[in-house]
Amino acid sequence: MKIAKTSRILTPITDWLQLSNGEHLQAQTQQLVNNAISHCFGYHLLKLGHLSTQLKTDKCPIRHQINCAEDGTDIGLKSNLHDLPFQDSTIDLCILVHELDFSSDPHQLLREIDRILTLDGTLVISGYNPYSFFGLRSLLTPKNTQTARLFSPNRVIDWLHLLGFEIKNKQHFDYISAQPEGPLLSLIENTGQRYLSFFCSVYFIVAKKRTTPMTPVKSSFEFRRTIINNQPVATKQSHSKKLN
């Protein structure tokens, strides 16, 4: 298993068109995001990275929405994603699309998201699946020209479990890594997503933050007087003897 953190300088992705079949991939991701965020409530929504900020989130009930990336236009907050300028437990919903694929330290990125998410906050995350046609193509690419780092969805889920997240939804899509044109390719794509989802190019995960208190809560209820007394109780017979 390859180490998650790397010192290699990765080429940042700033537009969906830079990805293979990016326009079609954006449309599929947008549809899944719409379904995931339509029932999310709270005060603050955060979209991390250029690809996340280019997704529409007007179907989300959360009105205050922040676009955050290291640079670029239409960015409300410019920041290093591995060191976010937010207080703890302030964000209710975070969208992270294909940022782990191009992160030099994905563990730190997820730790920062965990830090700023509120209790029961939601994380929507997607990325490339190495066990797919796209992953096979990346494997055949020379290492000095590789830009994406592919982590399996099960490995990402393990990271989320360690941080205390509960997986609410997991999906796979983009089986043939190309826009299906014609009935035959559409049939292959639909069949692949239904029966061979493990080999689809992209995973989509919705996770909810769960926090269990480390210190048990002590009940404030207590009896006002002792119910069971160790002292012997006088009987009627002994009491009558005492009177005599």
C-alpha atoms as a PDB file:
ATOM      1  CA  MET A   1       0.000   0.000   0.000  1.00  0.00           C
ATOM      2  CA  LYS A   2       1.459   3.337  -1.030  1.00  0.00           C
ATOM      3  CA  ILE A   3       1.983   6.063   1.560  1.00  0.00           C
ATOM      4  CA  ALA A   4      -0.727   8.725   1.510  1.00  0.00           C
ATOM      5  CA  LYS A   5       1.549  11.698   2.147  1.00  0.00           C
ATOM      6  CA  THR A   6       4.034  12.674  -0.553  1.00  0.00           C
ATOM      7  CA  SER A   7       6.646  15.361  -1.090  1.00  0.00           C
ATOM      8  CA  ARG A   8       6.033  15.300  -4.834  1.00  0.00           C
ATOM      9  CA  ILE A   9       4.679  18.538  -6.295  1.00  0.00           C
ATOM     10  CA  LEU A  10       1.303  17.824  -7.867  1.00  0.00           C
ATOM     11  CA  THR A  11      -0.174  19.782 -10.741  1.00  0.00           C
ATOM     12  CA  PRO A  12      -3.354  21.474  -9.488  1.00  0.00           C
ATOM     13  CA  ILE A  13      -6.606  20.945 -11.389  1.00  0.00           C
ATOM     14  CA  THR A  14      -8.568  24.156 -11.857  1.00  0.00           C
ATOM     15  CA  ASP A  15     -11.249  23.129 -14.370  1.00  0.00           C
ATOM     16  CA  TRP A  16     -13.359  20.078 -15.155  1.00  0.00           C
ATOM     17  CA  LEU A  17     -12.188  20.166 -18.767  1.00  0.00           C
ATOM     18  CA  GLN A  18      -8.688  19.249 -17.588  1.00  0.00           C
ATOM     19  CA  LEU A  19     -10.011  15.829 -16.572  1.00  0.00           C
ATOM     20  CA  SER A  20     -10.620  12.946 -18.916  1.00  0.00           C
ATOM     21  CA  ASN A  21     -14.194  13.256 -20.175  1.00  0.00           C
ATOM     22  CA  GLY A  22     -14.528  16.167 -17.742  1.00  0.00           C
ATOM     23  CA  GLU A  23     -17.746  17.721 -19.045  1.00  0.00           C
ATOM     24  CA  HIS A  24     -19.683  14.460 -18.828  1.00  0.00           C
ATOM     25  CA  LEU A  25     -18.106  13.690 -15.456  1.00  0.00           C
ATOM     26  CA  GLN A  26     -19.185  17.085 -14.114  1.00  0.00           C
ATOM     27  CA  ALA A  27     -22.777  16.496 -15.216  1.00  0.00           C
ATOM     28  CA  GLN A  28     -22.931  13.116 -13.464  1.00  0.00           C
ATOM     29  CA  THR A  29     -21.342  14.503 -10.295  1.00  0.00           C
ATOM     30  CA  GLN A  30     -23.726  17.458 -10.302  1.00  0.00           C
ATOM     31  CA  GLN A  31     -26.735  15.150 -10.352  1.00  0.00           C
ATOM     32  CA  LEU A  32     -25.464  13.129  -7.386  1.00  0.00           C
ATOM     33  CA  VAL A  33     -24.575  16.289  -5.456  1.00  0.00           C
ATOM     34  CA  ASN A  34     -28.084  17.659  -6.009  1.00  0.00           C
ATOM     35  CA  ASN A  35     -29.593  14.521  -4.499  1.00  0.00           C
ATOM     36  CA  ALA A  36     -27.181  14.527  -1.558  1.00  0.00           C
ATOM     37  CA  ILE A  37     -27.540  18.161  -0.474  1.00  0.00           C
ATOM     38  CA  SER A  38     -31.267  18.685  -0.970  1.00  0.00           C
ATOM     39  CA  HIS A  39     -32.002  17.482   2.586  1.00  0.00           C
ATOM     40  CA  CYS A  40     -29.003  19.058   4.355  1.00  0.00           C
ATOM     41  CA  PHE A  41     -29.724  21.852   6.800  1.00  0.00           C
ATOM     42  CA  GLY A  42     -27.613  24.287   8.775  1.00  0.00           C
ATOM     43  CA  TYR A  43     -25.996  27.687   8.508  1.00  0.00           C
ATOM     44  CA  HIS A  44     -22.772  27.306   6.489  1.00  0.00           C
ATOM     45  CA  LEU A  45     -21.877  25.305   3.360  1.00  0.00           C
ATOM     46  CA  LEU A  46     -18.237  25.039   2.283  1.00  0.00           C
ATOM     47  CA  LYS A  47     -17.031  23.986  -1.173  1.00  0.00           C
ATOM     48  CA  LEU A  48     -13.334  23.089  -1.180  1.00  0.00           C
ATOM     49  CA  GLY A  49     -11.234  23.197  -4.331  1.00  0.00           C
ATOM     50  CA  HIS A  50     -11.825  24.524  -7.835  1.00  0.00           C
ATOM     51  CA  LEU A  51     -13.905  21.584  -9.057  1.00  0.00           C
ATOM     52  CA  SER A  52     -16.195  21.774  -6.024  1.00  0.00           C
ATOM     53  CA  THR A  53     -16.746  25.509  -6.459  1.00  0.00           C
ATOM     54  CA  GLN A  54     -17.819  24.979 -10.072  1.00  0.00           C
ATOM     55  CA  LEU A  55     -20.729  22.791  -8.977  1.00  0.00           C
ATOM     56  CA  LYS A  56     -24.125  24.420  -8.427  1.00  0.00           C
ATOM     57  CA  THR A  57     -25.545  24.137  -4.925  1.00  0.00           C
ATOM     58  CA  ASP A  58     -28.686  26.263  -5.240  1.00  0.00           C
ATOM     59  CA  LYS A  59     -30.843  23.219  -4.382  1.00  0.00           C
ATOM     60  CA  CYS A  60     -29.374  23.144  -0.880  1.00  0.00           C
ATOM     61  CA  PRO A  61     -31.460  24.784   1.893  1.00  0.00           C
ATOM     62  CA  ILE A  62     -28.262  26.247   3.410  1.00  0.00           C
ATOM     63  CA  ARG A  63     -28.091  29.836   2.213  1.00  0.00           C
ATOM     64  CA  HIS A  64     -24.606  30.908   3.313  1.00  0.00           C
ATOM     65  CA  GLN A  65     -22.201  29.189   0.916  1.00  0.00           C
ATOM     66  CA  ILE A  66     -18.433  29.662   0.725  1.00  0.00           C
ATOM     67  CA  ASN A  67     -16.179  28.890  -2.246  1.00  0.00           C
ATOM     68  CA  CYS A  68     -12.693  28.116  -0.959  1.00  0.00           C
ATOM     69  CA  ALA A  69      -9.554  27.413  -3.022  1.00  0.00           C
ATOM     70  CA  GLU A  70      -5.914  28.419  -2.995  1.00  0.00           C
ATOM     71  CA  ASP A  71      -6.316  30.836  -5.915  1.00  0.00           C
ATOM     72  CA  GLY A  72      -8.471  31.626  -8.948  1.00  0.00           C
ATOM     73  CA  THR A  73     -11.524  33.709  -9.795  1.00  0.00           C
ATOM     74  CA  ASP A  74     -14.981  33.522  -8.216  1.00  0.00           C
ATOM     75  CA  ILE A  75     -13.342  32.352  -4.998  1.00  0.00           C
ATOM     76  CA  GLY A  76     -14.822  33.810  -1.840  1.00  0.00           C
ATOM     77  CA  LEU A  77     -11.981  32.634   0.387  1.00  0.00           C
ATOM     78  CA  LYS A  78      -8.403  31.945  -0.717  1.00  0.00           C
ATOM     79  CA  SER A  79      -6.668  29.555   1.634  1.00  0.00           C
ATOM     80  CA  ASN A  80      -4.472  26.512   1.923  1.00  0.00           C
ATOM     81  CA  LEU A  81      -6.937  23.608   2.078  1.00  0.00           C
ATOM     82  CA  HIS A  82      -4.723  21.766   4.550  1.00  0.00           C
ATOM     83  CA  ASP A  83      -4.896  24.666   7.031  1.00  0.00           C
ATOM     84  CA  LEU A  84      -8.359  26.186   6.874  1.00  0.00           C
ATOM     85  CA  PRO A  85      -9.056  29.533   8.608  1.00  0.00           C
ATOM     86  CA  PHE A  86     -12.224  28.374  10.369  1.00  0.00           C
ATOM     87  CA  GLN A  87     -13.008  27.818  14.006  1.00  0.00           C
ATOM     88  CA  ASP A  88     -13.798  24.315  15.217  1.00  0.00           C
ATOM     89  CA  SER A  89     -17.306  22.983  14.554  1.00  0.00           C
ATOM     90  CA  THR A  90     -18.536  25.839  12.371  1.00  0.00           C
ATOM     91  CA  ILE A  91     -19.363  24.215   8.983  1.00  0.00           C
ATOM     92  CA  ASP A  92     -22.544  22.176   8.499  1.00  0.00           C
ATOM     93  CA  LEU A  93     -21.887  20.807   5.001  1.00  0.00           C
ATOM     94  CA  CYS A  94     -18.611  20.373   3.115  1.00  0.00           C
ATOM     95  CA  ILE A  95     -18.197  19.334  -0.543  1.00  0.00           C
ATOM     96  CA  LEU A  96     -14.844  17.864  -1.570  1.00  0.00           C
ATOM     97  CA  VAL A  97     -14.707  16.768  -5.215  1.00  0.00           C
ATOM     98  CA  HIS A  98     -11.517  15.152  -6.601  1.00  0.00           C
ATOM     99  CA  GLU A  99      -9.302  16.978  -4.124  1.00  0.00           C
ATOM    100  CA  LEU A 100      -7.885  13.849  -2.482  1.00  0.00           C
ATOM    101  CA  ASP A 101      -6.684  12.780  -5.940  1.00  0.00           C
ATOM    102  CA  PHE A 102      -4.432  15.826  -6.148  1.00  0.00           C
ATOM    103  CA  SER A 103      -3.566  16.349  -2.477  1.00  0.00           C
ATOM    104  CA  SER A 104      -0.020  15.920  -1.174  1.00  0.00           C
ATOM    105  CA  ASP A 105      -1.381  15.055   2.303  1.00  0.00           C
ATOM    106  CA  PRO A 106      -4.923  13.632   2.132  1.00  0.00           C
ATOM    107  CA  HIS A 107      -4.877  12.655   5.820  1.00  0.00           C
ATOM    108  CA  GLN A 108      -4.356  16.257   6.885  1.00  0.00           C
ATOM    109  CA  LEU A 109      -7.034  17.452   4.477  1.00  0.00           C
ATOM    110  CA  LEU A 110      -9.599  15.108   6.020  1.00  0.00           C
ATOM    111  CA  ARG A 111      -8.482  16.019   9.544  1.00  0.00           C
ATOM    112  CA  GLU A 112      -9.093  19.699   8.796  1.00  0.00           C
ATOM    113  CA  ILE A 113     -12.557  18.935   7.472  1.00  0.00           C
ATOM    114  CA  ASP A 114     -13.305  16.862  10.568  1.00  0.00           C
ATOM    115  CA  ARG A 115     -12.146  19.744  12.769  1.00  0.00           C
ATOM    116  CA  ILE A 116     -14.374  22.392  11.193  1.00  0.00           C
ATOM    117  CA  LEU A 117     -17.499  20.256  10.717  1.00  0.00           C
ATOM    118  CA  THR A 118     -20.218  20.560  13.324  1.00  0.00           C
ATOM    119  CA  LEU A 119     -21.573  17.579  15.204  1.00  0.00           C
ATOM    120  CA  ASP A 120     -23.751  15.695  12.677  1.00  0.00           C
ATOM    121  CA  GLY A 121     -22.146  17.738   9.883  1.00  0.00           C
ATOM    122  CA  THR A 122     -22.126  16.196   6.393  1.00  0.00           C
ATOM    123  CA  LEU A 123     -19.216  15.568   4.040  1.00  0.00           C
ATOM    124  CA  VAL A 124     -19.792  14.917   0.323  1.00  0.00           C
ATOM    125  CA  ILE A 125     -16.667  13.481  -1.265  1.00  0.00           C
ATOM    126  CA  SER A 126     -15.768  11.943  -4.615  1.00  0.00           C
ATOM    127  CA  GLY A 127     -12.617  10.742  -6.342  1.00  0.00           C
ATOM    128  CA  TYR A 128     -11.136   8.365  -8.877  1.00  0.00           C
ATOM    129  CA  ASN A 129     -11.175   4.626  -8.315  1.00  0.00           C
ATOM    130  CA  PRO A 130      -7.818   2.930  -9.055  1.00  0.00           C
ATOM    131  CA  TYR A 131      -9.602  -0.363  -9.865  1.00  0.00           C
ATOM    132  CA  SER A 132     -11.135   0.899 -13.105  1.00  0.00           C
ATOM    133  CA  PHE A 133     -10.367   1.599 -16.735  1.00  0.00           C
ATOM    134  CA  PHE A 134      -9.229   5.079 -15.708  1.00  0.00           C
ATOM    135  CA  GLY A 135      -6.999   3.584 -13.027  1.00  0.00           C
ATOM    136  CA  LEU A 136      -5.520   1.126 -15.512  1.00  0.00           C
ATOM    137  CA  ARG A 137      -4.762   3.946 -17.892  1.00  0.00           C
ATOM    138  CA  SER A 138      -3.098   5.924 -15.098  1.00  0.00           C
ATOM    139  CA  LEU A 139      -1.044   2.872 -14.145  1.00  0.00           C
ATOM    140  CA  LEU A 140       0.348   2.704 -17.682  1.00  0.00           C
ATOM    141  CA  THR A 141       1.269   6.397 -17.607  1.00  0.00           C
ATOM    142  CA  PRO A 142       4.938   7.156 -16.817  1.00  0.00           C
ATOM    143  CA  LYS A 143       5.418   8.187 -13.196  1.00  0.00           C
ATOM    144  CA  ASN A 144       7.123  11.456 -14.078  1.00  0.00           C
ATOM    145  CA  THR A 145       3.983  12.597 -15.948  1.00  0.00           C
ATOM    146  CA  GLN A 146       1.353  11.353 -13.472  1.00  0.00           C
ATOM    147  CA  THR A 147      -0.714  14.056 -11.777  1.00  0.00           C
ATOM    148  CA  ALA A 148      -3.485  12.174  -9.953  1.00  0.00           C
ATOM    149  CA  ARG A 149      -2.967   9.927  -6.922  1.00  0.00           C
ATOM    150  CA  LEU A 150      -5.690   7.318  -6.814  1.00  0.00           C
ATOM    151  CA  PHE A 151      -6.948   5.959  -3.490  1.00  0.00           C
ATOM    152  CA  SER A 152      -9.487   3.160  -3.407  1.00  0.00           C
ATOM    153  CA  PRO A 153     -12.934   4.043  -2.016  1.00  0.00           C
ATOM    154  CA  ASN A 154     -12.554   1.403   0.712  1.00  0.00           C
ATOM    155  CA  ARG A 155      -9.327   3.043   1.856  1.00  0.00           C
ATOM    156  CA  VAL A 156     -11.010   6.451   1.967  1.00  0.00           C
ATOM    157  CA  ILE A 157     -13.876   4.940   3.961  1.00  0.00           C
ATOM    158  CA  ASP A 158     -11.360   3.503   6.446  1.00  0.00           C
ATOM    159  CA  TRP A 159      -9.908   6.993   6.918  1.00  0.00           C
ATOM    160  CA  LEU A 160     -13.387   8.398   7.501  1.00  0.00           C
ATOM    161  CA  HIS A 161     -14.231   5.665  10.009  1.00  0.00           C
ATOM    162  CA  LEU A 162     -11.074   6.449  11.980  1.00  0.00           C
ATOM    163  CA  LEU A 163     -12.218  10.067  12.200  1.00  0.00           C
ATOM    164  CA  GLY A 164     -15.629   8.989  13.465  1.00  0.00           C
ATOM    165  CA  PHE A 165     -17.691   9.432  10.292  1.00  0.00           C
ATOM    166  CA  GLU A 166     -20.700   7.283   9.458  1.00  0.00           C
ATOM    167  CA  ILE A 167     -21.119   6.395   5.781  1.00  0.00           C
ATOM    168  CA  LYS A 168     -24.650   7.277   4.720  1.00  0.00           C
ATOM    169  CA  ASN A 169     -24.339   6.634   0.983  1.00  0.00           C
ATOM    170  CA  LYS A 170     -21.780   5.143  -1.391  1.00  0.00           C
ATOM    171  CA  GLN A 171     -22.117   5.008  -5.176  1.00  0.00           C
ATOM    172  CA  HIS A 172     -19.962   4.323  -8.230  1.00  0.00           C
ATOM    173  CA  PHE A 173     -20.384   5.695 -11.733  1.00  0.00           C
ATOM    174  CA  ASP A 174     -18.603   6.333 -15.041  1.00  0.00           C
ATOM    175  CA  TYR A 175     -17.871   2.715 -15.895  1.00  0.00           C
ATOM    176  CA  ILE A 176     -16.377   3.096 -19.386  1.00  0.00           C
ATOM    177  CA  SER A 177     -14.720   6.486 -18.649  1.00  0.00           C
ATOM    178  CA  ALA A 178     -16.270   8.055 -21.728  1.00  0.00           C
ATOM    179  CA  GLN A 179     -19.551   9.666 -22.641  1.00  0.00           C
ATOM    180  CA  PRO A 180     -21.751   6.828 -23.923  1.00  0.00           C
ATOM    181  CA  GLU A 181     -22.852   7.626 -27.463  1.00  0.00           C
ATOM    182  CA  GLY A 182     -25.281   5.201 -29.030  1.00  0.00           C
ATOM    183  CA  PRO A 183     -27.415   2.407 -27.577  1.00  0.00           C
ATOM    184  CA  LEU A 184     -24.578  -0.108 -27.305  1.00  0.00           C
ATOM    185  CA  LEU A 185     -22.288   2.110 -25.207  1.00  0.00           C
ATOM    186  CA  SER A 186     -25.249   3.212 -23.092  1.00  0.00           C
ATOM    187  CA  LEU A 187     -26.104  -0.435 -22.436  1.00  0.00           C
ATOM    188  CA  ILE A 188     -22.497  -1.187 -21.435  1.00  0.00           C
ATOM    189  CA  GLU A 189     -22.407   1.833 -19.128  1.00  0.00           C
ATOM    190  CA  ASN A 190     -25.706   0.972 -17.415  1.00  0.00           C
ATOM    191  CA  THR A 191     -24.734  -2.686 -17.042  1.00  0.00           C
ATOM    192  CA  GLY A 192     -21.348  -1.764 -15.606  1.00  0.00           C
ATOM    193  CA  GLN A 193     -22.821   0.618 -13.046  1.00  0.00           C
ATOM    194  CA  ARG A 194     -25.401  -1.957 -11.986  1.00  0.00           C
ATOM    195  CA  TYR A 195     -23.423  -5.187 -11.870  1.00  0.00           C
ATOM    196  CA  LEU A 196     -19.743  -4.144 -11.935  1.00  0.00           C
ATOM    197  CA  SER A 197     -19.831  -0.990  -9.833  1.00  0.00           C
ATOM    198  CA  PHE A 198     -16.557  -1.921  -8.110  1.00  0.00           C
ATOM    199  CA  PHE A 199     -14.772  -1.209 -11.421  1.00  0.00           C
ATOM    200  CA  CYS A 200     -16.403   2.167 -12.138  1.00  0.00           C
ATOM    201  CA  SER A 201     -14.021   5.087 -12.524  1.00  0.00           C
ATOM    202  CA  VAL A 202     -15.467   7.383  -9.850  1.00  0.00           C
ATOM    203  CA  TYR A 203     -16.740   6.824  -6.313  1.00  0.00           C
ATOM    204  CA  PHE A 204     -19.196   9.113  -4.555  1.00  0.00           C
ATOM    205  CA  ILE A 205     -19.522   9.054  -0.752  1.00  0.00           C
ATOM    206  CA  VAL A 206     -21.803  10.897   1.647  1.00  0.00           C
ATOM    207  CA  ALA A 207     -20.580  10.727   5.245  1.00  0.00           C
ATOM    208  CA  LYS A 208     -21.955  12.157   8.468  1.00  0.00           C
ATOM    209  CA  LYS A 209     -19.814  13.184  11.390  1.00  0.00           C
ATOM    210  CA  ARG A 210     -20.569  11.338  14.618  1.00  0.00           C
ATOM    211  CA  THR A 211     -18.983  12.236  17.951  1.00  0.00           C
ATOM    212  CA  THR A 212     -19.322  10.068  21.055  1.00  0.00           C
ATOM    213  CA  PRO A 213     -18.446  11.808  24.343  1.00  0.00           C
ATOM    214  CA  MET A 214     -15.337  10.315  25.951  1.00  0.00           C
ATOM    215  CA  THR A 215     -16.545  11.053  29.502  1.00  0.00           C
ATOM    216  CA  PRO A 216     -19.808   9.351  30.512  1.00  0.00           C
ATOM    217  CA  VAL A 217     -22.522  11.704  31.635  1.00  0.00           C
ATOM    218  CA  LYS A 218     -23.384  11.187  35.307  1.00  0.00           C
ATOM    219  CA  SER A 219     -27.045  11.203  36.197  1.00  0.00           C
ATOM    220  CA  SER A 220     -28.065  14.071  38.484  1.00  0.00           C
ATOM    221  CA  PHE A 221     -30.882  11.996  40.065  1.00  0.00           C
ATOM    222  CA  GLU A 222     -30.353  10.622  43.549  1.00  0.00           C
ATOM    223  CA  PHE A 223     -32.556   9.523  46.451  1.00  0.00           C
ATOM    224  CA  ARG A 224     -33.091  12.094  49.177  1.00  0.00           C
ATOM    225  CA  ARG A 225     -32.906   9.501  51.967  1.00  0.00           C
ATOM    226  CA  THR A 226     -31.628   5.988  52.375  1.00  0.00           C
ATOM    227  CA  ILE A 227     -34.167   3.389  51.350  1.00  0.00           C
ATOM    228  CA  ILE A 228     -32.500   0.406  53.074  1.00  0.00           C
ATOM    229  CA  ASN A 229     -31.255   0.913  56.643  1.00  0.00           C
ATOM    230  CA  ASN A 230     -28.823  -1.475  58.270  1.00  0.00           C
ATOM    231  CA  GLN A 231     -30.333  -0.882  61.721  1.00  0.00           C
ATOM    232  CA  PRO A 232     -32.729  -3.624  62.963  1.00  0.00           C
ATOM    233  CA  VAL A 233     -36.396  -2.760  63.007  1.00  0.00           C
ATOM    234  CA  ALA A 234     -38.188  -3.297  66.353  1.00  0.00           C
ATOM    235  CA  THR A 235     -41.072  -5.743  66.276  1.00  0.00           C
ATOM    236  CA  LYS A 236     -44.375  -5.320  68.067  1.00  0.00           C
ATOM    237  CA  GLN A 237     -43.481  -8.083  70.547  1.00  0.00           C
ATOM    238  CA  SER A 238     -40.168  -6.551  71.580  1.00  0.00           C
ATOM    239  CA  HIS A 239     -41.805  -3.205  71.865  1.00  0.00           C
ATOM    240  CA  SER A 240     -44.455  -4.551  74.240  1.00  0.00           C
ATOM    241  CA  LYS A 241     -41.829  -6.205  76.441  1.00  0.00           C
ATOM    242  CA  LYS A 242     -40.051  -2.916  76.738  1.00  0.00           C
ATOM    243  CA  LEU A 243     -43.224  -1.267  78.025  1.00  0.00           C
ATOM    244  CA  ASN A 244     -43.630  -3.941  80.688  1.00  0.00           C
END
